């Protein structure tokens, strides 16, 4: 079997930490008098923490100096980390372990490519770290998706060429980043939202071993 490189986003693909980001952002927004909805949260998918705060402030028409912004960023992150601290393997989304197991057994490269700065502790707490050959997270990159930097770095870490990489993503920005990098893009979520993806599945339980074999053969 040929060797390909499978790059996984973290939030919303492997684990649903998105719900914790939502609660933490919502609590922060409400504390400064800004309404923050699930629809607003959708627009923050794949967006850096700093940019997320800027958007929330823009939506609420709130001005703040740099010092105040830094305080809010710390406050949001501390609340988010308190949720992360309690995570375990029950938080892994359905079907993910089966796919990781299949790829591992067939000697495929498995890489994490995430904007999260907490990727490694999350993988440790959910008992998934041993599957990954390389991790690129928010500590390693300067450009947020749709810039392909995170995925290109991931490919480089395992000496893979971009066209031999397959990316699993749940955000529009992430799919765009994979496409720009000339990698195969697979959306995890709603097909009407992730319509730029080359393939799209509601979740990993819909991804068969035959489909994975085809990706590897291609």
C-alpha atoms as a PDB file:
ATOM      1  CA  UNK A   1       0.000   0.000   0.000  1.00  0.00           C
ATOM      2  CA  UNK A   2       1.274   3.492  -0.887  1.00  0.00           C
ATOM      3  CA  UNK A   3       1.973   5.924   1.927  1.00  0.00           C
ATOM      4  CA  UNK A   4      -0.098   9.079   2.124  1.00  0.00           C
ATOM      5  CA  UNK A   5      -0.305  11.746   4.820  1.00  0.00           C
ATOM      6  CA  UNK A   6      -3.601  12.310   6.619  1.00  0.00           C
ATOM      7  CA  UNK A   7      -3.854  15.692   8.344  1.00  0.00           C
ATOM      8  CA  UNK A   8      -6.553  16.212  10.953  1.00  0.00           C
ATOM      9  CA  UNK A   9      -7.872  19.468  12.333  1.00  0.00           C
ATOM     10  CA  UNK A  10      -8.695  19.145  16.046  1.00  0.00           C
ATOM     11  CA  UNK A  11     -11.707  21.200  17.149  1.00  0.00           C
ATOM     12  CA  UNK A  12     -14.903  19.836  15.628  1.00  0.00           C
ATOM     13  CA  UNK A  13     -13.065  17.041  13.792  1.00  0.00           C
ATOM     14  CA  UNK A  14     -11.462  14.869  16.480  1.00  0.00           C
ATOM     15  CA  UNK A  15     -13.092  16.347  19.584  1.00  0.00           C
ATOM     16  CA  UNK A  16     -15.897  18.817  20.128  1.00  0.00           C
ATOM     17  CA  UNK A  17     -14.016  21.488  22.024  1.00  0.00           C
ATOM     18  CA  UNK A  18     -15.981  24.008  19.950  1.00  0.00           C
ATOM     19  CA  UNK A  19     -18.731  23.893  22.613  1.00  0.00           C
ATOM     20  CA  UNK A  20     -16.207  25.012  25.252  1.00  0.00           C
ATOM     21  CA  UNK A  21     -14.960  27.851  23.058  1.00  0.00           C
ATOM     22  CA  UNK A  22     -18.575  28.906  22.575  1.00  0.00           C
ATOM     23  CA  UNK A  23     -19.373  28.985  26.317  1.00  0.00           C
ATOM     24  CA  UNK A  24     -16.153  30.862  27.133  1.00  0.00           C
ATOM     25  CA  UNK A  25     -16.643  33.440  24.339  1.00  0.00           C
ATOM     26  CA  UNK A  26     -20.314  33.849  25.212  1.00  0.00           C
ATOM     27  CA  UNK A  27     -19.536  34.461  28.892  1.00  0.00           C
ATOM     28  CA  UNK A  28     -16.876  37.013  27.970  1.00  0.00           C
ATOM     29  CA  UNK A  29     -19.113  38.773  25.432  1.00  0.00           C
ATOM     30  CA  UNK A  30     -22.008  38.996  27.915  1.00  0.00           C
ATOM     31  CA  UNK A  31     -19.690  40.402  30.588  1.00  0.00           C
ATOM     32  CA  UNK A  32     -19.009  43.370  28.288  1.00  0.00           C
ATOM     33  CA  UNK A  33     -22.611  43.738  27.135  1.00  0.00           C
ATOM     34  CA  UNK A  34     -22.402  41.953  23.772  1.00  0.00           C
ATOM     35  CA  UNK A  35     -24.917  39.337  22.633  1.00  0.00           C
ATOM     36  CA  UNK A  36     -23.131  36.246  21.280  1.00  0.00           C
ATOM     37  CA  UNK A  37     -25.081  33.520  19.477  1.00  0.00           C
ATOM     38  CA  UNK A  38     -24.338  30.090  17.973  1.00  0.00           C
ATOM     39  CA  UNK A  39     -24.472  31.764  14.535  1.00  0.00           C
ATOM     40  CA  UNK A  40     -21.767  34.231  15.645  1.00  0.00           C
ATOM     41  CA  UNK A  41     -19.714  31.312  16.931  1.00  0.00           C
ATOM     42  CA  UNK A  42     -19.870  29.599  13.507  1.00  0.00           C
ATOM     43  CA  UNK A  43     -17.997  32.578  12.054  1.00  0.00           C
ATOM     44  CA  UNK A  44     -15.135  32.036  14.514  1.00  0.00           C
ATOM     45  CA  UNK A  45     -14.409  28.459  13.365  1.00  0.00           C
ATOM     46  CA  UNK A  46     -10.757  28.142  12.371  1.00  0.00           C
ATOM     47  CA  UNK A  47     -10.097  31.785  13.371  1.00  0.00           C
ATOM     48  CA  UNK A  48      -7.321  32.720  15.817  1.00  0.00           C
ATOM     49  CA  UNK A  49      -8.135  33.807  19.375  1.00  0.00           C
ATOM     50  CA  UNK A  50      -6.940  37.377  18.806  1.00  0.00           C
ATOM     51  CA  UNK A  51      -8.969  37.781  15.610  1.00  0.00           C
ATOM     52  CA  UNK A  52     -12.019  36.175  17.291  1.00  0.00           C
ATOM     53  CA  UNK A  53     -11.960  38.814  20.022  1.00  0.00           C
ATOM     54  CA  UNK A  54     -11.581  41.594  17.430  1.00  0.00           C
ATOM     55  CA  UNK A  55     -14.649  40.304  15.572  1.00  0.00           C
ATOM     56  CA  UNK A  56     -16.746  40.079  18.751  1.00  0.00           C
ATOM     57  CA  UNK A  57     -15.797  43.654  19.671  1.00  0.00           C
ATOM     58  CA  UNK A  58     -16.637  44.823  16.126  1.00  0.00           C
ATOM     59  CA  UNK A  59     -20.050  43.104  16.254  1.00  0.00           C
ATOM     60  CA  UNK A  60     -20.804  44.732  19.608  1.00  0.00           C
ATOM     61  CA  UNK A  61     -19.331  48.073  18.523  1.00  0.00           C
ATOM     62  CA  UNK A  62     -17.069  48.070  21.602  1.00  0.00           C
ATOM     63  CA  UNK A  63     -13.743  49.921  21.653  1.00  0.00           C
ATOM     64  CA  UNK A  64     -10.888  48.727  23.871  1.00  0.00           C
ATOM     65  CA  UNK A  65      -7.171  49.375  24.280  1.00  0.00           C
ATOM     66  CA  UNK A  66      -4.537  46.691  23.851  1.00  0.00           C
ATOM     67  CA  UNK A  67      -4.144  46.120  27.593  1.00  0.00           C
ATOM     68  CA  UNK A  68      -7.874  45.499  28.026  1.00  0.00           C
ATOM     69  CA  UNK A  69      -7.899  43.113  25.044  1.00  0.00           C
ATOM     70  CA  UNK A  70      -5.005  41.135  26.524  1.00  0.00           C
ATOM     71  CA  UNK A  71      -6.909  40.765  29.814  1.00  0.00           C
ATOM     72  CA  UNK A  72     -10.016  39.518  28.019  1.00  0.00           C
ATOM     73  CA  UNK A  73      -7.973  37.025  25.983  1.00  0.00           C
ATOM     74  CA  UNK A  74      -6.438  35.618  29.168  1.00  0.00           C
ATOM     75  CA  UNK A  75      -9.848  35.489  30.857  1.00  0.00           C
ATOM     76  CA  UNK A  76     -11.400  33.597  27.923  1.00  0.00           C
ATOM     77  CA  UNK A  77      -8.495  31.168  27.678  1.00  0.00           C
ATOM     78  CA  UNK A  78      -8.474  30.408  31.414  1.00  0.00           C
ATOM     79  CA  UNK A  79     -12.155  29.505  31.327  1.00  0.00           C
ATOM     80  CA  UNK A  80     -11.603  27.344  28.225  1.00  0.00           C
ATOM     81  CA  UNK A  81      -8.625  25.585  29.858  1.00  0.00           C
ATOM     82  CA  UNK A  82     -10.711  24.783  32.929  1.00  0.00           C
ATOM     83  CA  UNK A  83     -13.069  22.837  30.614  1.00  0.00           C
ATOM     84  CA  UNK A  84     -10.128  21.135  28.842  1.00  0.00           C
ATOM     85  CA  UNK A  85      -8.740  20.008  32.177  1.00  0.00           C
ATOM     86  CA  UNK A  86     -11.772  17.750  32.667  1.00  0.00           C
ATOM     87  CA  UNK A  87     -11.643  16.108  29.214  1.00  0.00           C
ATOM     88  CA  UNK A  88     -11.218  12.352  28.680  1.00  0.00           C
ATOM     89  CA  UNK A  89     -11.632   9.824  25.847  1.00  0.00           C
ATOM     90  CA  UNK A  90     -15.437  10.022  25.990  1.00  0.00           C
ATOM     91  CA  UNK A  91     -15.043  13.412  24.252  1.00  0.00           C
ATOM     92  CA  UNK A  92     -13.605  11.880  21.048  1.00  0.00           C
ATOM     93  CA  UNK A  93     -16.139  12.171  18.234  1.00  0.00           C
ATOM     94  CA  UNK A  94     -17.759   9.000  16.856  1.00  0.00           C
ATOM     95  CA  UNK A  95     -15.788   7.014  14.297  1.00  0.00           C
ATOM     96  CA  UNK A  96     -12.526   8.935  14.743  1.00  0.00           C
ATOM     97  CA  UNK A  97     -10.654   6.153  16.567  1.00  0.00           C
ATOM     98  CA  UNK A  98     -11.641   3.586  13.913  1.00  0.00           C
ATOM     99  CA  UNK A  99     -10.198   5.787  11.159  1.00  0.00           C
ATOM    100  CA  UNK A 100      -6.994   6.511  13.125  1.00  0.00           C
ATOM    101  CA  UNK A 101      -6.613   2.805  13.890  1.00  0.00           C
ATOM    102  CA  UNK A 102      -7.038   1.841  10.221  1.00  0.00           C
ATOM    103  CA  UNK A 103      -4.487   4.452   9.074  1.00  0.00           C
ATOM    104  CA  UNK A 104      -1.988   3.420  11.756  1.00  0.00           C
ATOM    105  CA  UNK A 105      -2.282  -0.271  10.890  1.00  0.00           C
ATOM    106  CA  UNK A 106      -1.719   0.551   7.225  1.00  0.00           C
ATOM    107  CA  UNK A 107       1.406   2.620   7.950  1.00  0.00           C
ATOM    108  CA  UNK A 108       0.022   5.967   6.823  1.00  0.00           C
ATOM    109  CA  UNK A 109       1.385   9.271   8.146  1.00  0.00           C
ATOM    110  CA  UNK A 110      -0.979  10.873  10.664  1.00  0.00           C
ATOM    111  CA  UNK A 111      -0.526  14.575  11.396  1.00  0.00           C
ATOM    112  CA  UNK A 112      -2.442  17.137  13.454  1.00  0.00           C
ATOM    113  CA  UNK A 113      -2.880  20.577  11.875  1.00  0.00           C
ATOM    114  CA  UNK A 114      -4.779  22.849  14.236  1.00  0.00           C
ATOM    115  CA  UNK A 115      -5.043  26.510  15.210  1.00  0.00           C
ATOM    116  CA  UNK A 116      -5.455  25.397  18.828  1.00  0.00           C
ATOM    117  CA  UNK A 117      -2.609  26.209  21.210  1.00  0.00           C
ATOM    118  CA  UNK A 118      -3.814  23.430  23.491  1.00  0.00           C
ATOM    119  CA  UNK A 119      -3.680  20.605  20.940  1.00  0.00           C
ATOM    120  CA  UNK A 120      -1.126  18.408  22.685  1.00  0.00           C
ATOM    121  CA  UNK A 121      -2.771  18.410  26.157  1.00  0.00           C
ATOM    122  CA  UNK A 122      -6.130  17.650  24.513  1.00  0.00           C
ATOM    123  CA  UNK A 123      -4.669  14.665  22.625  1.00  0.00           C
ATOM    124  CA  UNK A 124      -3.051  13.462  25.852  1.00  0.00           C
ATOM    125  CA  UNK A 125      -6.258  13.711  27.869  1.00  0.00           C
ATOM    126  CA  UNK A 126      -8.280  11.915  25.189  1.00  0.00           C
ATOM    127  CA  UNK A 127      -5.614   9.192  24.851  1.00  0.00           C
ATOM    128  CA  UNK A 128      -4.964   9.861  21.141  1.00  0.00           C
ATOM    129  CA  UNK A 129      -1.451  11.302  21.177  1.00  0.00           C
ATOM    130  CA  UNK A 130       0.222   7.983  20.255  1.00  0.00           C
ATOM    131  CA  UNK A 131      -1.521   7.937  16.847  1.00  0.00           C
ATOM    132  CA  UNK A 132       0.181  11.110  15.617  1.00  0.00           C
ATOM    133  CA  UNK A 133       3.506  11.234  13.790  1.00  0.00           C
ATOM    134  CA  UNK A 134       3.652  15.034  13.944  1.00  0.00           C
ATOM    135  CA  UNK A 135       1.744  17.933  15.495  1.00  0.00           C
ATOM    136  CA  UNK A 136       1.503  21.461  14.155  1.00  0.00           C
ATOM    137  CA  UNK A 137      -0.633  23.773  16.281  1.00  0.00           C
ATOM    138  CA  UNK A 138      -1.220  27.430  17.061  1.00  0.00           C
ATOM    139  CA  UNK A 139       2.184  27.664  18.757  1.00  0.00           C
ATOM    140  CA  UNK A 140       3.968  26.835  15.490  1.00  0.00           C
ATOM    141  CA  UNK A 141       2.258  29.033  12.905  1.00  0.00           C
ATOM    142  CA  UNK A 142       1.907  32.754  12.281  1.00  0.00           C
ATOM    143  CA  UNK A 143      -0.806  32.715   9.606  1.00  0.00           C
ATOM    144  CA  UNK A 144      -4.356  31.557  10.325  1.00  0.00           C
ATOM    145  CA  UNK A 145      -6.417  29.470   7.895  1.00  0.00           C
ATOM    146  CA  UNK A 146      -7.375  29.971   5.020  1.00  0.00           C
ATOM    147  CA  UNK A 147      -3.611  30.448   4.752  1.00  0.00           C
ATOM    148  CA  UNK A 148      -2.275  26.886   4.194  1.00  0.00           C
ATOM    149  CA  UNK A 149       0.771  27.336   6.481  1.00  0.00           C
ATOM    150  CA  UNK A 150      -0.410  24.883   9.170  1.00  0.00           C
ATOM    151  CA  UNK A 151      -0.964  22.084   6.635  1.00  0.00           C
ATOM    152  CA  UNK A 152       2.217  22.761   4.654  1.00  0.00           C
ATOM    153  CA  UNK A 153       4.232  22.642   7.881  1.00  0.00           C
ATOM    154  CA  UNK A 154       2.539  19.364   8.786  1.00  0.00           C
ATOM    155  CA  UNK A 155       3.480  17.858   5.424  1.00  0.00           C
ATOM    156  CA  UNK A 156       7.052  19.076   5.802  1.00  0.00           C
ATOM    157  CA  UNK A 157       7.395  17.450   9.236  1.00  0.00           C
ATOM    158  CA  UNK A 158       6.828  14.001   7.730  1.00  0.00           C
ATOM    159  CA  UNK A 159       8.618  14.763   4.424  1.00  0.00           C
ATOM    160  CA  UNK A 160       5.389  14.513   2.390  1.00  0.00           C
ATOM    161  CA  UNK A 161       4.519  16.389  -0.787  1.00  0.00           C
ATOM    162  CA  UNK A 162       1.306  18.422  -0.618  1.00  0.00           C
ATOM    163  CA  UNK A 163      -0.469  16.457  -3.355  1.00  0.00           C
ATOM    164  CA  UNK A 164      -0.055  13.267  -1.272  1.00  0.00           C
ATOM    165  CA  UNK A 165      -1.854  14.832   1.718  1.00  0.00           C
ATOM    166  CA  UNK A 166      -5.490  14.425   2.723  1.00  0.00           C
ATOM    167  CA  UNK A 167      -7.009  16.976   5.120  1.00  0.00           C
ATOM    168  CA  UNK A 168     -10.025  16.489   7.418  1.00  0.00           C
ATOM    169  CA  UNK A 169     -11.629  19.833   8.306  1.00  0.00           C
ATOM    170  CA  UNK A 170     -14.900  21.168   9.706  1.00  0.00           C
ATOM    171  CA  UNK A 171     -14.441  24.849   8.816  1.00  0.00           C
ATOM    172  CA  UNK A 172     -14.766  26.712   5.535  1.00  0.00           C
ATOM    173  CA  UNK A 173     -11.408  28.433   6.166  1.00  0.00           C
ATOM    174  CA  UNK A 174      -9.767  25.043   6.770  1.00  0.00           C
ATOM    175  CA  UNK A 175     -11.170  23.557   3.549  1.00  0.00           C
ATOM    176  CA  UNK A 176      -9.967  26.621   1.628  1.00  0.00           C
ATOM    177  CA  UNK A 177      -6.492  26.235   3.195  1.00  0.00           C
ATOM    178  CA  UNK A 178      -6.328  22.579   2.116  1.00  0.00           C
ATOM    179  CA  UNK A 179      -7.437  23.467  -1.413  1.00  0.00           C
ATOM    180  CA  UNK A 180      -4.884  26.292  -1.695  1.00  0.00           C
ATOM    181  CA  UNK A 181      -2.182  23.828  -0.583  1.00  0.00           C
ATOM    182  CA  UNK A 182      -3.352  21.443  -3.359  1.00  0.00           C
ATOM    183  CA  UNK A 183      -4.205  18.757  -0.817  1.00  0.00           C
ATOM    184  CA  UNK A 184      -7.310  16.539  -0.935  1.00  0.00           C
ATOM    185  CA  UNK A 185      -9.956  18.256   1.217  1.00  0.00           C
ATOM    186  CA  UNK A 186     -12.539  16.303   3.196  1.00  0.00           C
ATOM    187  CA  UNK A 187     -15.237  18.219   5.023  1.00  0.00           C
ATOM    188  CA  UNK A 188     -16.643  16.893   8.286  1.00  0.00           C
ATOM    189  CA  UNK A 189     -20.050  18.483   8.771  1.00  0.00           C
ATOM    190  CA  UNK A 190     -22.799  19.991   6.615  1.00  0.00           C
ATOM    191  CA  UNK A 191     -22.265  19.658   2.867  1.00  0.00           C
ATOM    192  CA  UNK A 192     -24.108  22.953   2.159  1.00  0.00           C
ATOM    193  CA  UNK A 193     -21.593  24.771   4.425  1.00  0.00           C
ATOM    194  CA  UNK A 194     -18.472  22.870   3.344  1.00  0.00           C
ATOM    195  CA  UNK A 195     -19.327  22.837  -0.362  1.00  0.00           C
ATOM    196  CA  UNK A 196     -15.760  23.720  -1.391  1.00  0.00           C
ATOM    197  CA  UNK A 197     -14.521  20.369  -0.032  1.00  0.00           C
ATOM    198  CA  UNK A 198     -13.733  17.608  -2.527  1.00  0.00           C
ATOM    199  CA  UNK A 199     -15.585  15.126  -0.306  1.00  0.00           C
ATOM    200  CA  UNK A 200     -17.922  15.727   2.615  1.00  0.00           C
ATOM    201  CA  UNK A 201     -19.225  13.478   5.402  1.00  0.00           C
ATOM    202  CA  UNK A 202     -21.501  14.274   8.330  1.00  0.00           C
ATOM    203  CA  UNK A 203     -19.051  12.489  10.637  1.00  0.00           C
ATOM    204  CA  UNK A 204     -16.367   9.794  10.662  1.00  0.00           C
ATOM    205  CA  UNK A 205     -18.837   6.921  11.050  1.00  0.00           C
ATOM    206  CA  UNK A 206     -19.731   7.509   7.371  1.00  0.00           C
ATOM    207  CA  UNK A 207     -16.128   7.030   6.212  1.00  0.00           C
ATOM    208  CA  UNK A 208     -15.555   3.433   5.145  1.00  0.00           C
ATOM    209  CA  UNK A 209     -12.290   1.518   4.960  1.00  0.00           C
ATOM    210  CA  UNK A 210     -12.870   1.133   1.205  1.00  0.00           C
ATOM    211  CA  UNK A 211     -13.025   4.914   0.840  1.00  0.00           C
ATOM    212  CA  UNK A 212      -9.765   5.283   2.783  1.00  0.00           C
ATOM    213  CA  UNK A 213      -8.109   2.592   0.629  1.00  0.00           C
ATOM    214  CA  UNK A 214      -9.160   4.514  -2.507  1.00  0.00           C
ATOM    215  CA  UNK A 215      -7.607   7.718  -1.104  1.00  0.00           C
ATOM    216  CA  UNK A 216      -4.362   5.883  -0.422  1.00  0.00           C
ATOM    217  CA  UNK A 217      -4.287   4.286  -3.885  1.00  0.00           C
ATOM    218  CA  UNK A 218      -5.027   7.549  -5.773  1.00  0.00           C
END
